[in-house]
Amino acid sequence: MGFQPVSISPSAALEVRKIMQNKNIPAGYALRIGVKGGGCGVSLLIGFDRPKPNDQQFEIEGIPVVVDKRHTMYVVGKQVDFYEGADARGFVFVNESVHE
């Protein structure tokens, strides 16, 4: 299978599958995990996109995932998790070592 720089928690995987089904994400699209540059560093982001030539491609929890090779160093050791609480709801990135 090879090296996977990022992981997806079971709760996040469930939510991603729901979104893919409910929003009719087209076949051939994958969950893109990457970064957005900014003045004070980078922000991690996720979305759906077609794979591009410079992407690393994985399958995690049955979900096709792509990461731009230039972004790999920023996502190594991160886990996409899904938080659902009284105050907020959404995807979050956590250090994977926290959940081991």
PDB file of N, CA and C in Angstrom:
ATOM      1  N   MET A   1       0.821  -1.192   0.000  1.00  0.00           N
ATOM      2  CA  MET A   1       0.000   0.000   0.000  1.00  0.00           C
ATOM      3  C   MET A   1       0.864   1.254   0.000  1.00  0.00           C
ATOM      4  N   GLY A   2       2.019   1.224   0.667  1.00  0.00           N
ATOM      5  CA  GLY A   2       2.895   2.377   0.678  1.00  0.00           C
ATOM      6  C   GLY A   2       2.604   3.321   1.818  1.00  0.00           C
ATOM      7  N   PHE A   3       3.408   4.359   1.885  1.00  0.00           N
ATOM      8  CA  PHE A   3       3.326   5.353   2.948  1.00  0.00           C
ATOM      9  C   PHE A   3       2.104   6.247   2.773  1.00  0.00           C
ATOM     10  N   GLN A   4       1.342   6.412   3.838  1.00  0.00           N
ATOM     11  CA  GLN A   4       0.208   7.347   3.826  1.00  0.00           C
ATOM     12  C   GLN A   4       0.528   8.454   4.816  1.00  0.00           C
ATOM     13  N   PRO A   5       0.681   9.686   4.342  1.00  0.00           N
ATOM     14  CA  PRO A   5       1.084  10.768   5.234  1.00  0.00           C
ATOM     15  C   PRO A   5       0.005  11.205   6.216  1.00  0.00           C
ATOM     16  N   VAL A   6      -1.246  10.895   5.917  1.00  0.00           N
ATOM     17  CA  VAL A   6      -2.366  11.387   6.706  1.00  0.00           C
ATOM     18  C   VAL A   6      -3.358  10.247   6.919  1.00  0.00           C
ATOM     19  N   SER A   7      -4.158  10.337   7.972  1.00  0.00           N
ATOM     20  CA  SER A   7      -5.176   9.323   8.214  1.00  0.00           C
ATOM     21  C   SER A   7      -6.534   9.995   8.386  1.00  0.00           C
ATOM     22  N   ILE A   8      -7.561   9.177   8.387  1.00  0.00           N
ATOM     23  CA  ILE A   8      -8.939   9.660   8.554  1.00  0.00           C
ATOM     24  C   ILE A   8      -9.568   8.837   9.666  1.00  0.00           C
ATOM     25  N   SER A   9     -10.133   9.500  10.661  1.00  0.00           N
ATOM     26  CA  SER A   9     -10.785   8.779  11.755  1.00  0.00           C
ATOM     27  C   SER A   9     -12.065   8.125  11.233  1.00  0.00           C
ATOM     28  N   PRO A  10     -12.542   7.076  11.909  1.00  0.00           N
ATOM     29  CA  PRO A  10     -13.798   6.444  11.484  1.00  0.00           C
ATOM     30  C   PRO A  10     -14.971   7.423  11.423  1.00  0.00           C
ATOM     31  N   SER A  11     -15.068   8.363  12.386  1.00  0.00           N
ATOM     32  CA  SER A  11     -16.184   9.319  12.361  1.00  0.00           C
ATOM     33  C   SER A  11     -16.071  10.280  11.180  1.00  0.00           C
ATOM     34  N   ALA A  12     -14.844  10.694  10.841  1.00  0.00           N
ATOM     35  CA  ALA A  12     -14.652  11.569   9.682  1.00  0.00           C
ATOM     36  C   ALA A  12     -14.944  10.809   8.396  1.00  0.00           C
ATOM     37  N   ALA A  13     -14.519   9.541   8.326  1.00  0.00           N
ATOM     38  CA  ALA A  13     -14.775   8.734   7.131  1.00  0.00           C
ATOM     39  C   ALA A  13     -16.279   8.575   6.896  1.00  0.00           C
ATOM     40  N   LEU A  14     -17.019   8.346   7.964  1.00  0.00           N
ATOM     41  CA  LEU A  14     -18.469   8.220   7.857  1.00  0.00           C
ATOM     42  C   LEU A  14     -19.081   9.509   7.312  1.00  0.00           C
ATOM     43  N   GLU A  15     -18.636  10.637   7.830  1.00  0.00           N
ATOM     44  CA  GLU A  15     -19.159  11.935   7.384  1.00  0.00           C
ATOM     45  C   GLU A  15     -18.780  12.218   5.928  1.00  0.00           C
ATOM     46  N   VAL A  16     -17.547  11.881   5.538  1.00  0.00           N
ATOM     47  CA  VAL A  16     -17.117  12.077   4.146  1.00  0.00           C
ATOM     48  C   VAL A  16     -17.991  11.246   3.210  1.00  0.00           C
ATOM     49  N   ARG A  17     -18.244   9.992   3.582  1.00  0.00           N
ATOM     50  CA  ARG A  17     -19.103   9.142   2.748  1.00  0.00           C
ATOM     51  C   ARG A  17     -20.505   9.728   2.612  1.00  0.00           C
ATOM     52  N   LYS A  18     -21.048  10.263   3.712  1.00  0.00           N
ATOM     53  CA  LYS A  18     -22.378  10.901   3.662  1.00  0.00           C
ATOM     54  C   LYS A  18     -22.371  12.074   2.695  1.00  0.00           C
ATOM     55  N   ILE A  19     -21.334  12.903   2.780  1.00  0.00           N
ATOM     56  CA  ILE A  19     -21.234  14.074   1.893  1.00  0.00           C
ATOM     57  C   ILE A  19     -21.123  13.631   0.442  1.00  0.00           C
ATOM     58  N   MET A  20     -20.281  12.624   0.190  1.00  0.00           N
ATOM     59  CA  MET A  20     -20.112  12.145  -1.184  1.00  0.00           C
ATOM     60  C   MET A  20     -21.438  11.667  -1.766  1.00  0.00           C
ATOM     61  N   GLN A  21     -22.240  11.012  -0.946  1.00  0.00           N
ATOM     62  CA  GLN A  21     -23.526  10.505  -1.417  1.00  0.00           C
ATOM     63  C   GLN A  21     -24.558  11.627  -1.522  1.00  0.00           C
ATOM     64  N   ASN A  22     -24.684  12.448  -0.489  1.00  0.00           N
ATOM     65  CA  ASN A  22     -25.722  13.486  -0.457  1.00  0.00           C
ATOM     66  C   ASN A  22     -25.469  14.630  -1.433  1.00  0.00           C
ATOM     67  N   LYS A  23     -24.208  14.921  -1.700  1.00  0.00           N
ATOM     68  CA  LYS A  23     -23.871  16.031  -2.608  1.00  0.00           C
ATOM     69  C   LYS A  23     -23.564  15.547  -4.018  1.00  0.00           C
ATOM     70  N   ASN A  24     -23.774  14.240  -4.258  1.00  0.00           N
ATOM     71  CA  ASN A  24     -23.546  13.664  -5.581  1.00  0.00           C
ATOM     72  C   ASN A  24     -22.166  14.008  -6.140  1.00  0.00           C
ATOM     73  N   ILE A  25     -21.133  13.764  -5.331  1.00  0.00           N
ATOM     74  CA  ILE A  25     -19.762  13.992  -5.787  1.00  0.00           C
ATOM     75  C   ILE A  25     -19.505  13.021  -6.947  1.00  0.00           C
ATOM     76  N   PRO A  26     -19.074  13.544  -8.108  1.00  0.00           N
ATOM     77  CA  PRO A  26     -18.924  12.684  -9.295  1.00  0.00           C
ATOM     78  C   PRO A  26     -17.864  11.592  -9.110  1.00  0.00           C
ATOM     79  N   ALA A  27     -18.067  10.491  -9.821  1.00  0.00           N
ATOM     80  CA  ALA A  27     -17.061   9.426  -9.860  1.00  0.00           C
ATOM     81  C   ALA A  27     -15.770  10.027 -10.403  1.00  0.00           C
ATOM     82  N   GLY A  28     -14.656   9.550  -9.914  1.00  0.00           N
ATOM     83  CA  GLY A  28     -13.376  10.084 -10.365  1.00  0.00           C
ATOM     84  C   GLY A  28     -12.854  11.201  -9.479  1.00  0.00           C
ATOM     85  N   TYR A  29     -13.690  11.709  -8.579  1.00  0.00           N
ATOM     86  CA  TYR A  29     -13.247  12.726  -7.638  1.00  0.00           C
ATOM     87  C   TYR A  29     -12.720  12.041  -6.379  1.00  0.00           C
ATOM     88  N   ALA A  30     -11.867  12.748  -5.666  1.00  0.00           N
ATOM     89  CA  ALA A  30     -11.281  12.220  -4.439  1.00  0.00           C
ATOM     90  C   ALA A  30     -11.325  13.300  -3.370  1.00  0.00           C
ATOM     91  N   LEU A  31     -11.111  12.890  -2.137  1.00  0.00           N
ATOM     92  CA  LEU A  31     -10.996  13.838  -1.033  1.00  0.00           C
ATOM     93  C   LEU A  31      -9.603  14.440  -1.103  1.00  0.00           C
ATOM     94  N   ARG A  32      -9.526  15.741  -1.327  1.00  0.00           N
ATOM     95  CA  ARG A  32      -8.226  16.421  -1.389  1.00  0.00           C
ATOM     96  C   ARG A  32      -7.894  16.956   0.000  1.00  0.00           C
ATOM     97  N   ILE A  33      -6.709  16.597   0.482  1.00  0.00           N
ATOM     98  CA  ILE A  33      -6.198  17.100   1.749  1.00  0.00           C
ATOM     99  C   ILE A  33      -4.951  17.899   1.411  1.00  0.00           C
ATOM    100  N   GLY A  34      -4.927  19.152   1.842  1.00  0.00           N
ATOM    101  CA  GLY A  34      -3.801  19.999   1.474  1.00  0.00           C
ATOM    102  C   GLY A  34      -3.649  21.181   2.396  1.00  0.00           C
ATOM    103  N   VAL A  35      -2.911  22.160   1.893  1.00  0.00           N
ATOM    104  CA  VAL A  35      -2.667  23.363   2.674  1.00  0.00           C
ATOM    105  C   VAL A  35      -2.940  24.597   1.834  1.00  0.00           C
ATOM    106  N   LYS A  36      -3.222  25.658   2.546  1.00  0.00           N
ATOM    107  CA  LYS A  36      -3.405  26.967   1.935  1.00  0.00           C
ATOM    108  C   LYS A  36      -2.412  27.886   2.620  1.00  0.00           C
ATOM    109  N   GLY A  37      -1.552  28.504   1.848  1.00  0.00           N
ATOM    110  CA  GLY A  37      -0.542  29.384   2.416  1.00  0.00           C
ATOM    111  C   GLY A  37      -1.146  30.676   2.902  1.00  0.00           C
ATOM    112  N   GLY A  38      -0.470  31.280   3.854  1.00  0.00           N
ATOM    113  CA  GLY A  38      -0.935  32.546   4.402  1.00  0.00           C
ATOM    114  C   GLY A  38       0.229  33.334   4.940  1.00  0.00           C
ATOM    115  N   GLY A  39      -0.043  34.523   5.432  1.00  0.00           N
ATOM    116  CA  GLY A  39       1.002  35.383   5.956  1.00  0.00           C
ATOM    117  C   GLY A  39       1.683  34.827   7.186  1.00  0.00           C
ATOM    118  N   CYS A  40       0.969  34.071   7.981  1.00  0.00           N
ATOM    119  CA  CYS A  40       1.526  33.552   9.241  1.00  0.00           C
ATOM    120  C   CYS A  40       1.616  32.035   9.236  1.00  0.00           C
ATOM    121  N   GLY A  41       1.894  31.438   8.098  1.00  0.00           N
ATOM    122  CA  GLY A  41       2.005  29.987   8.038  1.00  0.00           C
ATOM    123  C   GLY A  41       1.004  29.404   7.070  1.00  0.00           C
ATOM    124  N   VAL A  42       0.595  28.180   7.348  1.00  0.00           N
ATOM    125  CA  VAL A  42      -0.324  27.486   6.451  1.00  0.00           C
ATOM    126  C   VAL A  42      -1.541  27.004   7.224  1.00  0.00           C
ATOM    127  N   SER A  43      -2.633  26.861   6.510  1.00  0.00           N
ATOM    128  CA  SER A  43      -3.857  26.291   7.071  1.00  0.00           C
ATOM    129  C   SER A  43      -4.136  24.993   6.330  1.00  0.00           C
ATOM    130  N   LEU A  44      -4.499  23.955   7.075  1.00  0.00           N
ATOM    131  CA  LEU A  44      -4.865  22.694   6.453  1.00  0.00           C
ATOM    132  C   LEU A  44      -6.290  22.790   5.938  1.00  0.00           C
ATOM    133  N   LEU A  45      -6.551  22.140   4.802  1.00  0.00           N
ATOM    134  CA  LEU A  45      -7.891  22.194   4.232  1.00  0.00           C
ATOM    135  C   LEU A  45      -8.245  20.857   3.596  1.00  0.00           C
ATOM    136  N   ILE A  46      -9.551  20.644   3.433  1.00  0.00           N
ATOM    137  CA  ILE A  46     -10.039  19.461   2.727  1.00  0.00           C
ATOM    138  C   ILE A  46     -11.151  19.885   1.776  1.00  0.00           C
ATOM    139  N   GLY A  47     -11.350  19.088   0.747  1.00  0.00           N
ATOM    140  CA  GLY A  47     -12.399  19.340  -0.222  1.00  0.00           C
ATOM    141  C   GLY A  47     -12.429  18.184  -1.210  1.00  0.00           C
ATOM    142  N   PHE A  48     -13.234  18.278  -2.230  1.00  0.00           N
ATOM    143  CA  PHE A  48     -13.313  17.241  -3.245  1.00  0.00           C
ATOM    144  C   PHE A  48     -12.774  17.796  -4.548  1.00  0.00           C
ATOM    145  N   ASP A  49     -11.993  16.980  -5.253  1.00  0.00           N
ATOM    146  CA  ASP A  49     -11.323  17.448  -6.461  1.00  0.00           C
ATOM    147  C   ASP A  49     -10.913  16.241  -7.298  1.00  0.00           C
ATOM    148  N   ARG A  50     -10.665  16.487  -8.570  1.00  0.00           N
ATOM    149  CA  ARG A  50     -10.112  15.441  -9.432  1.00  0.00           C
ATOM    150  C   ARG A  50      -8.613  15.324  -9.147  1.00  0.00           C
ATOM    151  N   PRO A  51      -8.075  14.115  -9.192  1.00  0.00           N
ATOM    152  CA  PRO A  51      -6.623  13.955  -9.038  1.00  0.00           C
ATOM    153  C   PRO A  51      -5.881  14.709 -10.132  1.00  0.00           C
ATOM    154  N   LYS A  52      -4.738  15.261  -9.774  1.00  0.00           N
ATOM    155  CA  LYS A  52      -3.889  16.014 -10.697  1.00  0.00           C
ATOM    156  C   LYS A  52      -2.552  15.292 -10.833  1.00  0.00           C
ATOM    157  N   PRO A  53      -1.787  15.589 -11.890  1.00  0.00           N
ATOM    158  CA  PRO A  53      -0.534  14.861 -12.125  1.00  0.00           C
ATOM    159  C   PRO A  53       0.459  14.901 -10.956  1.00  0.00           C
ATOM    160  N   ASN A  54       0.484  15.959 -10.179  1.00  0.00           N
ATOM    161  CA  ASN A  54       1.466  16.096  -9.094  1.00  0.00           C
ATOM    162  C   ASN A  54       0.946  15.535  -7.764  1.00  0.00           C
ATOM    163  N   ASP A  55      -0.153  14.798  -7.787  1.00  0.00           N
ATOM    164  CA  ASP A  55      -0.754  14.277  -6.553  1.00  0.00           C
ATOM    165  C   ASP A  55      -0.235  12.897  -6.188  1.00  0.00           C
ATOM    166  N   GLN A  56      -0.190  12.642  -4.890  1.00  0.00           N
ATOM    167  CA  GLN A  56      -0.057  11.289  -4.374  1.00  0.00           C
ATOM    168  C   GLN A  56      -1.488  10.811  -4.150  1.00  0.00           C
ATOM    169  N   GLN A  57      -1.769   9.565  -4.506  1.00  0.00           N
ATOM    170  CA  GLN A  57      -3.122   9.036  -4.369  1.00  0.00           C
ATOM    171  C   GLN A  57      -3.127   7.854  -3.409  1.00  0.00           C
ATOM    172  N   PHE A  58      -4.130   7.830  -2.533  1.00  0.00           N
ATOM    173  CA  PHE A  58      -4.270   6.792  -1.525  1.00  0.00           C
ATOM    174  C   PHE A  58      -5.734   6.378  -1.443  1.00  0.00           C
ATOM    175  N   GLU A  59      -5.961   5.277  -0.783  1.00  0.00           N
ATOM    176  CA  GLU A  59      -7.318   4.929  -0.380  1.00  0.00           C
ATOM    177  C   GLU A  59      -7.265   4.733   1.124  1.00  0.00           C
ATOM    178  N   ILE A  60      -8.035   5.527   1.848  1.00  0.00           N
ATOM    179  CA  ILE A  60      -8.054   5.472   3.305  1.00  0.00           C
ATOM    180  C   ILE A  60      -9.496   5.269   3.744  1.00  0.00           C
ATOM    181  N   GLU A  61      -9.734   4.225   4.539  1.00  0.00           N
ATOM    182  CA  GLU A  61     -11.091   3.904   5.013  1.00  0.00           C
ATOM    183  C   GLU A  61     -12.061   3.775   3.829  1.00  0.00           C
ATOM    184  N   GLY A  62     -11.560   3.276   2.691  1.00  0.00           N
ATOM    185  CA  GLY A  62     -12.393   3.094   1.507  1.00  0.00           C
ATOM    186  C   GLY A  62     -12.663   4.373   0.734  1.00  0.00           C
ATOM    187  N   ILE A  63     -11.989   5.458   1.085  1.00  0.00           N
ATOM    188  CA  ILE A  63     -12.207   6.754   0.445  1.00  0.00           C
ATOM    189  C   ILE A  63     -10.979   7.100  -0.395  1.00  0.00           C
ATOM    190  N   PRO A  64     -11.172   7.458  -1.673  1.00  0.00           N
ATOM    191  CA  PRO A  64     -10.024   7.900  -2.461  1.00  0.00           C
ATOM    192  C   PRO A  64      -9.544   9.260  -1.938  1.00  0.00           C
ATOM    193  N   VAL A  65      -8.238   9.368  -1.709  1.00  0.00           N
ATOM    194  CA  VAL A  65      -7.653  10.579  -1.132  1.00  0.00           C
ATOM    195  C   VAL A  65      -6.488  11.020  -2.004  1.00  0.00           C
ATOM    196  N   VAL A  66      -6.369  12.330  -2.222  1.00  0.00           N
ATOM    197  CA  VAL A  66      -5.219  12.879  -2.938  1.00  0.00           C
ATOM    198  C   VAL A  66      -4.570  13.974  -2.104  1.00  0.00           C
ATOM    199  N   VAL A  67      -3.233  14.021  -2.198  1.00  0.00           N
ATOM    200  CA  VAL A  67      -2.440  15.055  -1.537  1.00  0.00           C
ATOM    201  C   VAL A  67      -1.407  15.523  -2.551  1.00  0.00           C
ATOM    202  N   ASP A  68      -1.345  16.814  -2.809  1.00  0.00           N
ATOM    203  CA  ASP A  68      -0.314  17.356  -3.680  1.00  0.00           C
ATOM    204  C   ASP A  68       1.041  17.032  -3.054  1.00  0.00           C
ATOM    205  N   LYS A  69       1.975  16.527  -3.838  1.00  0.00           N
ATOM    206  CA  LYS A  69       3.284  16.125  -3.315  1.00  0.00           C
ATOM    207  C   LYS A  69       3.966  17.275  -2.564  1.00  0.00           C
ATOM    208  N   ARG A  70       3.739  18.505  -2.999  1.00  0.00           N
ATOM    209  CA  ARG A  70       4.361  19.664  -2.326  1.00  0.00           C
ATOM    210  C   ARG A  70       3.761  19.914  -0.944  1.00  0.00           C
ATOM    211  N   HIS A  71       2.592  19.365  -0.668  1.00  0.00           N
ATOM    212  CA  HIS A  71       1.917  19.584   0.617  1.00  0.00           C
ATOM    213  C   HIS A  71       2.161  18.459   1.622  1.00  0.00           C
ATOM    214  N   THR A  72       2.792  17.379   1.167  1.00  0.00           N
ATOM    215  CA  THR A  72       2.954  16.192   2.008  1.00  0.00           C
ATOM    216  C   THR A  72       3.589  16.521   3.355  1.00  0.00           C
ATOM    217  N   MET A  73       4.647  17.319   3.361  1.00  0.00           N
ATOM    218  CA  MET A  73       5.353  17.594   4.620  1.00  0.00           C
ATOM    219  C   MET A  73       4.470  18.297   5.649  1.00  0.00           C
ATOM    220  N   TYR A  74       3.433  18.978   5.201  1.00  0.00           N
ATOM    221  CA  TYR A  74       2.547  19.692   6.123  1.00  0.00           C
ATOM    222  C   TYR A  74       1.466  18.795   6.732  1.00  0.00           C
ATOM    223  N   VAL A  75       1.172  17.681   6.071  1.00  0.00           N
ATOM    224  CA  VAL A  75       0.090  16.825   6.553  1.00  0.00           C
ATOM    225  C   VAL A  75       0.586  15.538   7.225  1.00  0.00           C
ATOM    226  N   VAL A  76       1.879  15.268   7.153  1.00  0.00           N
ATOM    227  CA  VAL A  76       2.416  14.050   7.762  1.00  0.00           C
ATOM    228  C   VAL A  76       2.090  14.025   9.254  1.00  0.00           C
ATOM    229  N   GLY A  77       1.537  12.901   9.701  1.00  0.00           N
ATOM    230  CA  GLY A  77       1.211  12.738  11.117  1.00  0.00           C
ATOM    231  C   GLY A  77      -0.105  13.363  11.543  1.00  0.00           C
ATOM    232  N   LYS A  78      -0.853  13.909  10.593  1.00  0.00           N
ATOM    233  CA  LYS A  78      -2.147  14.512  10.917  1.00  0.00           C
ATOM    234  C   LYS A  78      -3.265  13.506  10.668  1.00  0.00           C
ATOM    235  N   GLN A  79      -4.329  13.670  11.399  1.00  0.00           N
ATOM    236  CA  GLN A  79      -5.531  12.868  11.198  1.00  0.00           C
ATOM    237  C   GLN A  79      -6.700  13.805  10.973  1.00  0.00           C
ATOM    238  N   VAL A  80      -7.496  13.507   9.937  1.00  0.00           N
ATOM    239  CA  VAL A  80      -8.740  14.233   9.720  1.00  0.00           C
ATOM    240  C   VAL A  80      -9.759  13.591  10.656  1.00  0.00           C
ATOM    241  N   ASP A  81     -10.348  14.393  11.518  1.00  0.00           N
ATOM    242  CA  ASP A  81     -11.353  13.905  12.455  1.00  0.00           C
ATOM    243  C   ASP A  81     -12.612  14.724  12.245  1.00  0.00           C
ATOM    244  N   PHE A  82     -13.721  14.237  12.778  1.00  0.00           N
ATOM    245  CA  PHE A  82     -14.979  14.976  12.685  1.00  0.00           C
ATOM    246  C   PHE A  82     -15.458  15.252  14.096  1.00  0.00           C
ATOM    247  N   TYR A  83     -15.666  16.522  14.400  1.00  0.00           N
ATOM    248  CA  TYR A  83     -16.095  16.939  15.728  1.00  0.00           C
ATOM    249  C   TYR A  83     -17.561  17.313  15.664  1.00  0.00           C
ATOM    250  N   GLU A  84     -18.315  16.795  16.608  1.00  0.00           N
ATOM    251  CA  GLU A  84     -19.728  17.152  16.691  1.00  0.00           C
ATOM    252  C   GLU A  84     -20.051  17.392  18.160  1.00  0.00           C
ATOM    253  N   GLY A  85     -20.259  18.655  18.497  1.00  0.00           N
ATOM    254  CA  GLY A  85     -20.564  19.014  19.873  1.00  0.00           C
ATOM    255  C   GLY A  85     -21.638  20.079  19.915  1.00  0.00           C
ATOM    256  N   ALA A  86     -21.980  20.499  21.109  1.00  0.00           N
ATOM    257  CA  ALA A  86     -23.012  21.516  21.282  1.00  0.00           C
ATOM    258  C   ALA A  86     -22.566  22.861  20.724  1.00  0.00           C
ATOM    259  N   ASP A  87     -21.249  23.104  20.722  1.00  0.00           N
ATOM    260  CA  ASP A  87     -20.731  24.407  20.304  1.00  0.00           C
ATOM    261  C   ASP A  87     -20.356  24.484  18.831  1.00  0.00           C
ATOM    262  N   ALA A  88     -20.051  23.344  18.199  1.00  0.00           N
ATOM    263  CA  ALA A  88     -19.602  23.366  16.811  1.00  0.00           C
ATOM    264  C   ALA A  88     -19.710  21.979  16.205  1.00  0.00           C
ATOM    265  N   ARG A  89     -19.574  21.960  14.875  1.00  0.00           N
ATOM    266  CA  ARG A  89     -19.637  20.707  14.140  1.00  0.00           C
ATOM    267  C   ARG A  89     -18.792  20.876  12.893  1.00  0.00           C
ATOM    268  N   GLY A  90     -17.876  19.937  12.645  1.00  0.00           N
ATOM    269  CA  GLY A  90     -17.087  20.032  11.428  1.00  0.00           C
ATOM    270  C   GLY A  90     -15.823  19.201  11.478  1.00  0.00           C
ATOM    271  N   PHE A  91     -15.083  19.261  10.391  1.00  0.00           N
ATOM    272  CA  PHE A  91     -13.834  18.531  10.282  1.00  0.00           C
ATOM    273  C   PHE A  91     -12.725  19.297  10.975  1.00  0.00           C
ATOM    274  N   VAL A  92     -11.861  18.558  11.631  1.00  0.00           N
ATOM    275  CA  VAL A  92     -10.705  19.139  12.300  1.00  0.00           C
ATOM    276  C   VAL A  92      -9.489  18.278  11.999  1.00  0.00           C
ATOM    277  N   PHE A  93      -8.319  18.888  12.077  1.00  0.00           N
ATOM    278  CA  PHE A  93      -7.066  18.156  11.938  1.00  0.00           C
ATOM    279  C   PHE A  93      -6.458  18.025  13.318  1.00  0.00           C
ATOM    280  N   VAL A  94      -6.045  16.813  13.653  1.00  0.00           N
ATOM    281  CA  VAL A  94      -5.400  16.578  14.944  1.00  0.00           C
ATOM    282  C   VAL A  94      -4.098  15.829  14.694  1.00  0.00           C
ATOM    283  N   ASN A  95      -3.174  15.954  15.646  1.00  0.00           N
ATOM    284  CA  ASN A  95      -1.950  15.172  15.552  1.00  0.00           C
ATOM    285  C   ASN A  95      -2.297  13.730  15.836  1.00  0.00           C
ATOM    286  N   GLU A  96      -1.875  12.848  14.954  1.00  0.00           N
ATOM    287  CA  GLU A  96      -2.256  11.443  15.081  1.00  0.00           C
ATOM    288  C   GLU A  96      -1.768  10.822  16.375  1.00  0.00           C
ATOM    289  N   SER A  97      -0.655  11.249  16.893  1.00  0.00           N
ATOM    290  CA  SER A  97      -0.108  10.665  18.127  1.00  0.00           C
ATOM    291  C   SER A  97      -1.039  10.890  19.316  1.00  0.00           C
ATOM    292  N   VAL A  98      -1.900  11.891  19.240  1.00  0.00           N
ATOM    293  CA  VAL A  98      -2.844  12.180  20.319  1.00  0.00           C
ATOM    294  C   VAL A  98      -3.866  11.060  20.447  1.00  0.00           C
ATOM    295  N   HIS A  99      -4.197  10.399  19.324  1.00  0.00           N
ATOM    296  CA  HIS A  99      -5.250   9.381  19.326  1.00  0.00           C
ATOM    297  C   HIS A  99      -4.724   7.958  19.403  1.00  0.00           C
ATOM    298  N   GLU A 100      -3.423   7.771  19.559  1.00  0.00           N
ATOM    299  CA  GLU A 100      -2.893   6.409  19.615  1.00  0.00           C
ATOM    300  C   GLU A 100      -2.862   5.892  21.018  1.00  0.00           C
TER     301      GLU A 100
END
